[in-house]
PDB file of all heavy atoms in Angstrom:
ATOM      1  N   PRO A   1     298.869 195.189 -31.622  1.00  0.00           N
ATOM      2  CA  PRO A   1     299.689 194.990 -32.815  1.00  0.00           C
ATOM      3  C   PRO A   1     301.023 195.578 -32.479  1.00  0.00           C
ATOM      4  O   PRO A   1     301.401 196.454 -31.928  1.00  0.00           O
ATOM      5  CB  PRO A   1     298.960 196.054 -33.755  1.00  0.00           C
ATOM      6  CG  PRO A   1     297.543 196.283 -33.197  1.00  0.00           C
ATOM      7  CD  PRO A   1     297.718 196.151 -31.716  1.00  0.00           C
ATOM      8  N   GLY A   2     301.952 194.717 -33.192  1.00  0.00           N
ATOM      9  CA  GLY A   2     303.396 194.954 -33.092  1.00  0.00           C
ATOM     10  C   GLY A   2     304.128 194.611 -31.827  1.00  0.00           C
ATOM     11  O   GLY A   2     305.219 194.914 -31.612  1.00  0.00           O
ATOM     12  N   GLU A   3     303.379 193.970 -30.890  1.00  0.00           N
ATOM     13  CA  GLU A   3     304.004 193.464 -29.543  1.00  0.00           C
ATOM     14  C   GLU A   3     305.130 192.400 -29.895  1.00  0.00           C
ATOM     15  O   GLU A   3     304.965 191.549 -30.695  1.00  0.00           O
ATOM     16  CB  GLU A   3     302.911 192.916 -28.734  1.00  0.00           C
ATOM     17  CG  GLU A   3     302.434 193.867 -27.690  1.00  0.00           C
ATOM     18  CD  GLU A   3     301.368 193.190 -26.643  1.00  0.00           C
ATOM     19  OE1 GLU A   3     301.349 191.927 -26.670  1.00  0.00           O
ATOM     20  OE2 GLU A   3     300.886 193.893 -25.972  1.00  0.00           O
ATOM     21  N   GLY A   4     306.011 192.426 -28.944  1.00  0.00           N
ATOM     22  CA  GLY A   4     307.048 191.354 -29.040  1.00  0.00           C
ATOM     23  C   GLY A   4     306.812 190.311 -27.936  1.00  0.00           C
ATOM     24  O   GLY A   4     305.774 190.293 -27.200  1.00  0.00           O
ATOM     25  N   HIS A   5     307.640 189.235 -28.082  1.00  0.00           N
ATOM     26  CA  HIS A   5     307.552 188.100 -27.147  1.00  0.00           C
ATOM     27  C   HIS A   5     307.588 188.461 -25.664  1.00  0.00           C
ATOM     28  O   HIS A   5     306.828 187.892 -24.860  1.00  0.00           O
ATOM     29  CB  HIS A   5     308.597 187.102 -27.499  1.00  0.00           C
ATOM     30  CG  HIS A   5     308.659 185.959 -26.625  1.00  0.00           C
ATOM     31  ND1 HIS A   5     307.664 185.066 -26.437  1.00  0.00           N
ATOM     32  CD2 HIS A   5     309.634 185.504 -25.822  1.00  0.00           C
ATOM     33  CE1 HIS A   5     307.961 184.063 -25.586  1.00  0.00           C
ATOM     34  NE2 HIS A   5     309.250 184.344 -25.149  1.00  0.00           N
ATOM     35  N   LEU A   6     308.478 189.520 -25.371  1.00  0.00           N
ATOM     36  CA  LEU A   6     308.588 189.843 -23.958  1.00  0.00           C
ATOM     37  C   LEU A   6     307.277 190.602 -23.444  1.00  0.00           C
ATOM     38  O   LEU A   6     307.222 190.494 -22.265  1.00  0.00           O
ATOM     39  CB  LEU A   6     309.875 190.793 -23.804  1.00  0.00           C
ATOM     40  CG  LEU A   6     311.182 190.077 -23.980  1.00  0.00           C
ATOM     41  CD1 LEU A   6     312.331 191.168 -23.823  1.00  0.00           C
ATOM     42  CD2 LEU A   6     311.415 188.948 -22.976  1.00  0.00           C
ATOM     43  N   ASP A   7     306.587 191.257 -24.310  1.00  0.00           N
ATOM     44  CA  ASP A   7     305.370 191.931 -23.780  1.00  0.00           C
ATOM     45  C   ASP A   7     304.365 190.882 -23.496  1.00  0.00           C
ATOM     46  O   ASP A   7     303.713 190.979 -22.498  1.00  0.00           O
ATOM     47  CB  ASP A   7     304.796 192.718 -24.946  1.00  0.00           C
ATOM     48  CG  ASP A   7     305.709 193.977 -25.343  1.00  0.00           C
ATOM     49  OD1 ASP A   7     306.069 194.617 -24.405  1.00  0.00           O
ATOM     50  OD2 ASP A   7     305.996 194.122 -26.560  1.00  0.00           O
ATOM     51  N   ALA A   8     304.277 189.725 -24.133  1.00  0.00           N
ATOM     52  CA  ALA A   8     303.400 188.643 -23.814  1.00  0.00           C
ATOM     53  C   ALA A   8     303.809 187.971 -22.466  1.00  0.00           C
ATOM     54  O   ALA A   8     302.895 187.700 -21.676  1.00  0.00           O
ATOM     55  CB  ALA A   8     303.370 187.512 -24.945  1.00  0.00           C
ATOM     56  N   LEU A   9     305.161 187.859 -22.217  1.00  0.00           N
ATOM     57  CA  LEU A   9     305.677 187.341 -21.066  1.00  0.00           C
ATOM     58  C   LEU A   9     305.305 188.255 -19.833  1.00  0.00           C
ATOM     59  O   LEU A   9     304.838 187.779 -18.728  1.00  0.00           O
ATOM     60  CB  LEU A   9     307.105 187.040 -21.133  1.00  0.00           C
ATOM     61  CG  LEU A   9     307.593 185.791 -21.814  1.00  0.00           C
ATOM     62  CD1 LEU A   9     309.062 185.888 -21.905  1.00  0.00           C
ATOM     63  CD2 LEU A   9     307.118 184.574 -21.320  1.00  0.00           C
ATOM     64  N   LEU A  10     305.460 189.499 -20.157  1.00  0.00           N
ATOM     65  CA  LEU A  10     305.101 190.512 -19.125  1.00  0.00           C
ATOM     66  C   LEU A  10     303.742 190.572 -18.792  1.00  0.00           C
ATOM     67  O   LEU A  10     303.391 190.639 -17.502  1.00  0.00           O
ATOM     68  CB  LEU A  10     305.549 191.953 -19.616  1.00  0.00           C
ATOM     69  CG  LEU A  10     305.410 193.158 -18.563  1.00  0.00           C
ATOM     70  CD1 LEU A  10     306.146 192.923 -17.273  1.00  0.00           C
ATOM     71  CD2 LEU A  10     305.851 194.425 -19.161  1.00  0.00           C
ATOM     72  N   ARG A  11     302.868 190.495 -19.801  1.00  0.00           N
ATOM     73  CA  ARG A  11     301.385 190.409 -19.471  1.00  0.00           C
ATOM     74  C   ARG A  11     300.988 189.183 -18.536  1.00  0.00           C
ATOM     75  O   ARG A  11     300.301 189.482 -17.576  1.00  0.00           O
ATOM     76  CB  ARG A  11     300.624 190.303 -20.808  1.00  0.00           C
ATOM     77  CG  ARG A  11     299.069 190.299 -20.537  1.00  0.00           C
ATOM     78  CD  ARG A  11     298.349 190.309 -21.885  1.00  0.00           C
ATOM     79  NE  ARG A  11     298.530 191.595 -22.523  1.00  0.00           N
ATOM     80  CZ  ARG A  11     299.102 191.922 -23.599  1.00  0.00           C
ATOM     81  NH1 ARG A  11     299.881 190.893 -24.156  1.00  0.00           N
ATOM     82  NH2 ARG A  11     299.280 193.138 -24.115  1.00  0.00           N
ATOM     83  N   GLY A  12     301.622 188.014 -18.792  1.00  0.00           N
ATOM     84  CA  GLY A  12     301.352 186.899 -18.065  1.00  0.00           C
ATOM     85  C   GLY A  12     301.819 187.009 -16.637  1.00  0.00           C
ATOM     86  O   GLY A  12     301.082 186.665 -15.670  1.00  0.00           O
ATOM     87  N   LEU A  13     302.961 187.574 -16.511  1.00  0.00           N
ATOM     88  CA  LEU A  13     303.605 187.812 -15.239  1.00  0.00           C
ATOM     89  C   LEU A  13     302.793 188.790 -14.426  1.00  0.00           C
ATOM     90  O   LEU A  13     302.421 188.471 -13.183  1.00  0.00           O
ATOM     91  CB  LEU A  13     305.021 188.438 -15.343  1.00  0.00           C
ATOM     92  CG  LEU A  13     305.678 188.746 -14.103  1.00  0.00           C
ATOM     93  CD1 LEU A  13     306.384 187.595 -13.389  1.00  0.00           C
ATOM     94  CD2 LEU A  13     306.899 189.796 -14.256  1.00  0.00           C
ATOM     95  N   VAL A  14     302.350 189.859 -14.900  1.00  0.00           N
ATOM     96  CA  VAL A  14     301.635 190.884 -14.198  1.00  0.00           C
ATOM     97  C   VAL A  14     300.339 190.553 -13.935  1.00  0.00           C
ATOM     98  O   VAL A  14     299.790 190.649 -12.612  1.00  0.00           O
ATOM     99  CB  VAL A  14     301.633 192.288 -15.037  1.00  0.00           C
ATOM    100  CG1 VAL A  14     300.655 193.244 -14.513  1.00  0.00           C
ATOM    101  CG2 VAL A  14     303.088 192.916 -15.283  1.00  0.00           C
ATOM    102  N   LEU A  15     299.480 189.908 -14.747  1.00  0.00           N
ATOM    103  CA  LEU A  15     298.151 189.424 -14.441  1.00  0.00           C
ATOM    104  C   LEU A  15     298.134 188.425 -13.471  1.00  0.00           C
ATOM    105  O   LEU A  15     297.266 188.348 -12.566  1.00  0.00           O
ATOM    106  CB  LEU A  15     297.507 189.007 -15.717  1.00  0.00           C
ATOM    107  CG  LEU A  15     297.148 190.203 -16.749  1.00  0.00           C
ATOM    108  CD1 LEU A  15     296.580 189.521 -18.110  1.00  0.00           C
ATOM    109  CD2 LEU A  15     296.160 191.111 -16.284  1.00  0.00           C
ATOM    110  N   GLY A  16     299.205 187.407 -13.465  1.00  0.00           N
ATOM    111  CA  GLY A  16     299.309 186.376 -12.489  1.00  0.00           C
ATOM    112  C   GLY A  16     299.476 187.019 -11.108  1.00  0.00           C
ATOM    113  O   GLY A  16     298.939 186.583 -10.063  1.00  0.00           O
ATOM    114  N   LYS A  17     300.388 188.008 -11.030  1.00  0.00           N
ATOM    115  CA  LYS A  17     300.730 188.602  -9.733  1.00  0.00           C
ATOM    116  C   LYS A  17     299.499 189.397  -9.247  1.00  0.00           C
ATOM    117  O   LYS A  17     299.205 189.372  -7.991  1.00  0.00           O
ATOM    118  CB  LYS A  17     301.861 189.663  -9.976  1.00  0.00           C
ATOM    119  CG  LYS A  17     302.648 189.973  -8.806  1.00  0.00           C
ATOM    120  CD  LYS A  17     303.657 188.757  -8.450  1.00  0.00           C
ATOM    121  CE  LYS A  17     304.546 189.121  -7.228  1.00  0.00           C
ATOM    122  NZ  LYS A  17     305.262 187.989  -6.748  1.00  0.00           N
ATOM    123  N   LEU A  18     298.814 190.192 -10.071  1.00  0.00           N
ATOM    124  CA  LEU A  18     297.565 190.847  -9.648  1.00  0.00           C
ATOM    125  C   LEU A  18     296.477 189.927  -9.179  1.00  0.00           C
ATOM    126  O   LEU A  18     295.834 190.149  -8.171  1.00  0.00           O
ATOM    127  CB  LEU A  18     297.069 191.793 -10.793  1.00  0.00           C
ATOM    128  CG  LEU A  18     297.877 192.999 -11.018  1.00  0.00           C
ATOM    129  CD1 LEU A  18     297.434 193.714 -12.323  1.00  0.00           C
ATOM    130  CD2 LEU A  18     297.733 194.082  -9.805  1.00  0.00           C
ATOM    131  N   GLY A  19     296.257 188.891  -9.894  1.00  0.00           N
ATOM    132  CA  GLY A  19     295.257 187.916  -9.662  1.00  0.00           C
ATOM    133  C   GLY A  19     295.473 187.215  -8.398  1.00  0.00           C
ATOM    134  O   GLY A  19     294.684 187.140  -7.479  1.00  0.00           O
ATOM    135  N   LYS A  20     296.764 186.863  -8.151  1.00  0.00           N
ATOM    136  CA  LYS A  20     297.081 186.101  -6.844  1.00  0.00           C
ATOM    137  C   LYS A  20     296.845 187.117  -5.608  1.00  0.00           C
ATOM    138  O   LYS A  20     296.460 186.714  -4.570  1.00  0.00           O
ATOM    139  CB  LYS A  20     298.473 185.678  -6.818  1.00  0.00           C
ATOM    140  CG  LYS A  20     298.499 184.138  -7.169  1.00  0.00           C
ATOM    141  CD  LYS A  20     299.777 183.499  -6.724  1.00  0.00           C
ATOM    142  CE  LYS A  20     301.135 183.996  -7.288  1.00  0.00           C
ATOM    143  NZ  LYS A  20     302.245 183.053  -7.015  1.00  0.00           N
ATOM    144  N   ALA A  21     297.309 188.375  -5.810  1.00  0.00           N
ATOM    145  CA  ALA A  21     297.114 189.296  -4.790  1.00  0.00           C
ATOM    146  C   ALA A  21     295.659 189.811  -4.466  1.00  0.00           C
ATOM    147  O   ALA A  21     295.381 190.616  -3.580  1.00  0.00           O
ATOM    148  CB  ALA A  21     297.988 190.481  -5.141  1.00  0.00           C
ATOM    149  N   GLY A  22     294.712 189.281  -5.444  1.00  0.00           N
ATOM    150  CA  GLY A  22     293.365 189.608  -5.042  1.00  0.00           C
ATOM    151  C   GLY A  22     292.840 190.944  -5.737  1.00  0.00           C
ATOM    152  O   GLY A  22     291.963 191.616  -5.176  1.00  0.00           O
ATOM    153  N   HIS A  23     293.512 191.403  -6.761  1.00  0.00           N
ATOM    154  CA  HIS A  23     293.075 192.577  -7.522  1.00  0.00           C
ATOM    155  C   HIS A  23     291.691 192.302  -8.122  1.00  0.00           C
ATOM    156  O   HIS A  23     291.469 191.449  -8.981  1.00  0.00           O
ATOM    157  CB  HIS A  23     294.104 192.960  -8.560  1.00  0.00           C
ATOM    158  CG  HIS A  23     293.806 194.235  -9.272  1.00  0.00           C
ATOM    159  ND1 HIS A  23     293.347 194.210 -10.605  1.00  0.00           N
ATOM    160  CD2 HIS A  23     293.957 195.469  -8.843  1.00  0.00           C
ATOM    161  CE1 HIS A  23     293.222 195.483 -10.965  1.00  0.00           C
ATOM    162  NE2 HIS A  23     293.545 196.329 -10.014  1.00  0.00           N
ATOM    163  N   LYS A  24     290.632 193.090  -7.615  1.00  0.00           N
ATOM    164  CA  LYS A  24     289.353 192.880  -7.908  1.00  0.00           C
ATOM    165  C   LYS A  24     289.062 192.669  -9.504  1.00  0.00           C
ATOM    166  O   LYS A  24     288.466 191.696  -9.949  1.00  0.00           O
ATOM    167  CB  LYS A  24     288.406 193.919  -7.327  1.00  0.00           C
ATOM    168  CG  LYS A  24     286.902 193.583  -7.364  1.00  0.00           C
ATOM    169  CD  LYS A  24     286.206 194.461  -6.432  1.00  0.00           C
ATOM    170  CE  LYS A  24     284.705 194.176  -6.282  1.00  0.00           C
ATOM    171  NZ  LYS A  24     283.973 194.508  -7.594  1.00  0.00           N
ATOM    172  N   ALA A  25     289.389 193.807 -10.268  1.00  0.00           N
ATOM    173  CA  ALA A  25     289.027 193.729 -11.703  1.00  0.00           C
ATOM    174  C   ALA A  25     289.774 192.442 -12.369  1.00  0.00           C
ATOM    175  O   ALA A  25     289.306 191.914 -13.283  1.00  0.00           O
ATOM    176  CB  ALA A  25     289.475 195.066 -12.401  1.00  0.00           C
ATOM    177  N   THR A  26     291.027 192.125 -11.941  1.00  0.00           N
ATOM    178  CA  THR A  26     291.804 191.093 -12.609  1.00  0.00           C
ATOM    179  C   THR A  26     291.041 189.826 -12.213  1.00  0.00           C
ATOM    180  O   THR A  26     290.971 188.871 -13.095  1.00  0.00           O
ATOM    181  CB  THR A  26     293.269 191.064 -11.958  1.00  0.00           C
ATOM    182  OG1 THR A  26     293.856 192.280 -12.288  1.00  0.00           O
ATOM    183  CG2 THR A  26     294.045 189.932 -12.679  1.00  0.00           C
ATOM    184  N   LEU A  27     290.585 189.692 -10.965  1.00  0.00           N
ATOM    185  CA  LEU A  27     289.965 188.335 -10.565  1.00  0.00           C
ATOM    186  C   LEU A  27     288.646 188.197 -11.232  1.00  0.00           C
ATOM    187  O   LEU A  27     288.385 187.107 -11.800  1.00  0.00           O
ATOM    188  CB  LEU A  27     289.673 188.512  -9.032  1.00  0.00           C
ATOM    189  CG  LEU A  27     288.900 187.388  -8.400  1.00  0.00           C
ATOM    190  CD1 LEU A  27     289.537 186.114  -8.591  1.00  0.00           C
ATOM    191  CD2 LEU A  27     288.848 187.675  -6.838  1.00  0.00           C
ATOM    192  N   GLU A  28     287.876 189.197 -11.511  1.00  0.00           N
ATOM    193  CA  GLU A  28     286.625 189.083 -12.245  1.00  0.00           C
ATOM    194  C   GLU A  28     286.815 188.672 -13.688  1.00  0.00           C
ATOM    195  O   GLU A  28     286.138 187.908 -14.261  1.00  0.00           O
ATOM    196  CB  GLU A  28     285.791 190.553 -12.167  1.00  0.00           C
ATOM    197  CG  GLU A  28     285.222 190.740 -10.720  1.00  0.00           C
ATOM    198  CD  GLU A  28     284.633 192.119 -10.631  1.00  0.00           C
ATOM    199  OE1 GLU A  28     284.738 192.918 -11.604  1.00  0.00           O
ATOM    200  OE2 GLU A  28     284.083 192.433  -9.490  1.00  0.00           O
ATOM    201  N   GLU A  29     287.744 189.456 -14.273  1.00  0.00           N
ATOM    202  CA  GLU A  29     288.109 189.081 -15.622  1.00  0.00           C
ATOM    203  C   GLU A  29     288.659 187.706 -15.970  1.00  0.00           C
ATOM    204  O   GLU A  29     288.210 187.028 -16.832  1.00  0.00           O
ATOM    205  CB  GLU A  29     289.032 190.147 -16.317  1.00  0.00           C
ATOM    206  CG  GLU A  29     289.285 190.065 -17.752  1.00  0.00           C
ATOM    207  CD  GLU A  29     288.091 190.249 -18.698  1.00  0.00           C
ATOM    208  OE1 GLU A  29     287.003 190.735 -18.155  1.00  0.00           O
ATOM    209  OE2 GLU A  29     288.131 189.910 -19.880  1.00  0.00           O
ATOM    210  N   ALA A  30     289.480 187.235 -14.956  1.00  0.00           N
ATOM    211  CA  ALA A  30     289.995 185.842 -15.003  1.00  0.00           C
ATOM    212  C   ALA A  30     288.943 184.775 -14.828  1.00  0.00           C
ATOM    213  O   ALA A  30     288.906 183.856 -15.617  1.00  0.00           O
ATOM    214  CB  ALA A  30     291.018 185.661 -13.852  1.00  0.00           C
ATOM    215  N   ARG A  31     288.032 185.062 -13.969  1.00  0.00           N
ATOM    216  CA  ARG A  31     286.851 184.132 -13.843  1.00  0.00           C
ATOM    217  C   ARG A  31     286.031 184.052 -15.047  1.00  0.00           C
ATOM    218  O   ARG A  31     285.593 183.014 -15.537  1.00  0.00           O
ATOM    219  CB  ARG A  31     285.999 184.555 -12.598  1.00  0.00           C
ATOM    220  CG  ARG A  31     286.740 184.196 -11.317  1.00  0.00           C
ATOM    221  CD  ARG A  31     285.814 184.552 -10.046  1.00  0.00           C
ATOM    222  NE  ARG A  31     286.421 184.121  -8.894  1.00  0.00           N
ATOM    223  CZ  ARG A  31     286.125 184.615  -7.610  1.00  0.00           C
ATOM    224  NH1 ARG A  31     285.590 185.804  -7.591  1.00  0.00           N
ATOM    225  NH2 ARG A  31     286.581 184.035  -6.581  1.00  0.00           N
ATOM    226  N   ARG A  32     285.738 185.256 -15.696  1.00  0.00           N
ATOM    227  CA  ARG A  32     284.958 185.420 -16.953  1.00  0.00           C
ATOM    228  C   ARG A  32     285.638 184.534 -18.091  1.00  0.00           C
ATOM    229  O   ARG A  32     285.025 183.720 -18.682  1.00  0.00           O
ATOM    230  CB  ARG A  32     284.813 186.737 -17.230  1.00  0.00           C
ATOM    231  CG  ARG A  32     283.702 187.035 -18.526  1.00  0.00           C
ATOM    232  CD  ARG A  32     283.664 188.380 -18.889  1.00  0.00           C
ATOM    233  NE  ARG A  32     284.855 188.924 -19.554  1.00  0.00           N
ATOM    234  CZ  ARG A  32     285.135 188.544 -20.844  1.00  0.00           C
ATOM    235  NH1 ARG A  32     284.400 187.707 -21.554  1.00  0.00           N
ATOM    236  NH2 ARG A  32     286.193 188.905 -21.470  1.00  0.00           N
ATOM    237  N   ARG A  33     286.931 184.816 -18.184  1.00  0.00           N
ATOM    238  CA  ARG A  33     287.647 184.219 -19.313  1.00  0.00           C
ATOM    239  C   ARG A  33     287.838 182.699 -19.005  1.00  0.00           C
ATOM    240  O   ARG A  33     287.891 181.828 -20.003  1.00  0.00           O
ATOM    241  CB  ARG A  33     289.155 184.836 -19.472  1.00  0.00           C
ATOM    242  CG  ARG A  33     288.893 186.163 -20.071  1.00  0.00           C
ATOM    243  CD  ARG A  33     290.232 186.882 -20.353  1.00  0.00           C
ATOM    244  NE  ARG A  33     289.991 188.199 -20.965  1.00  0.00           N
ATOM    245  CZ  ARG A  33     290.512 188.604 -22.042  1.00  0.00           C
ATOM    246  NH1 ARG A  33     291.174 187.826 -22.915  1.00  0.00           N
ATOM    247  NH2 ARG A  33     290.307 189.830 -22.525  1.00  0.00           N
ATOM    248  N   PHE A  34     287.980 182.303 -17.812  1.00  0.00           N
ATOM    249  CA  PHE A  34     288.075 180.885 -17.499  1.00  0.00           C
ATOM    250  C   PHE A  34     286.738 180.081 -17.767  1.00  0.00           C
ATOM    251  O   PHE A  34     286.872 179.045 -18.420  1.00  0.00           O
ATOM    252  CB  PHE A  34     288.475 180.717 -15.863  1.00  0.00           C
ATOM    253  CG  PHE A  34     288.598 179.321 -15.488  1.00  0.00           C
ATOM    254  CD1 PHE A  34     289.771 178.575 -15.957  1.00  0.00           C
ATOM    255  CD2 PHE A  34     287.709 178.631 -14.659  1.00  0.00           C
ATOM    256  CE1 PHE A  34     289.972 177.279 -15.547  1.00  0.00           C
ATOM    257  CE2 PHE A  34     287.925 177.397 -14.194  1.00  0.00           C
ATOM    258  CZ  PHE A  34     289.013 176.643 -14.571  1.00  0.00           C
ATOM    259  N   LYS A  35     285.588 180.770 -17.439  1.00  0.00           N
ATOM    260  CA  LYS A  35     284.349 180.245 -17.689  1.00  0.00           C
ATOM    261  C   LYS A  35     284.158 179.891 -19.229  1.00  0.00           C
ATOM    262  O   LYS A  35     283.803 178.934 -19.659  1.00  0.00           O
ATOM    263  CB  LYS A  35     283.317 181.065 -17.224  1.00  0.00           C
ATOM    264  CG  LYS A  35     281.856 180.468 -17.247  1.00  0.00           C
ATOM    265  CD  LYS A  35     280.893 181.399 -16.583  1.00  0.00           C
ATOM    266  CE  LYS A  35     279.509 180.895 -16.618  1.00  0.00           C
ATOM    267  NZ  LYS A  35     278.826 180.981 -17.976  1.00  0.00           N
ATOM    268  N   ASP A  36     284.499 180.902 -20.096  1.00  0.00           N
ATOM    269  CA  ASP A  36     284.488 180.780 -21.598  1.00  0.00           C
ATOM    270  C   ASP A  36     285.324 179.778 -22.020  1.00  0.00           C
ATOM    271  O   ASP A  36     285.008 179.131 -23.020  1.00  0.00           O
ATOM    272  CB  ASP A  36     284.785 182.195 -22.214  1.00  0.00           C
ATOM    273  CG  ASP A  36     283.745 183.222 -22.088  1.00  0.00           C
ATOM    274  OD1 ASP A  36     282.617 182.803 -21.658  1.00  0.00           O
ATOM    275  OD2 ASP A  36     284.032 184.303 -22.357  1.00  0.00           O
TER     276      ASP A  36
END
């Protein structure tokens, strides 16, 4: 709640970076959300 546009951009940037780098928890959650 109360997040700005830049917070959403930052989330996308950070999760993409972690996912590409093979961060285990990020990879698992990305696969789960992709399937849904």
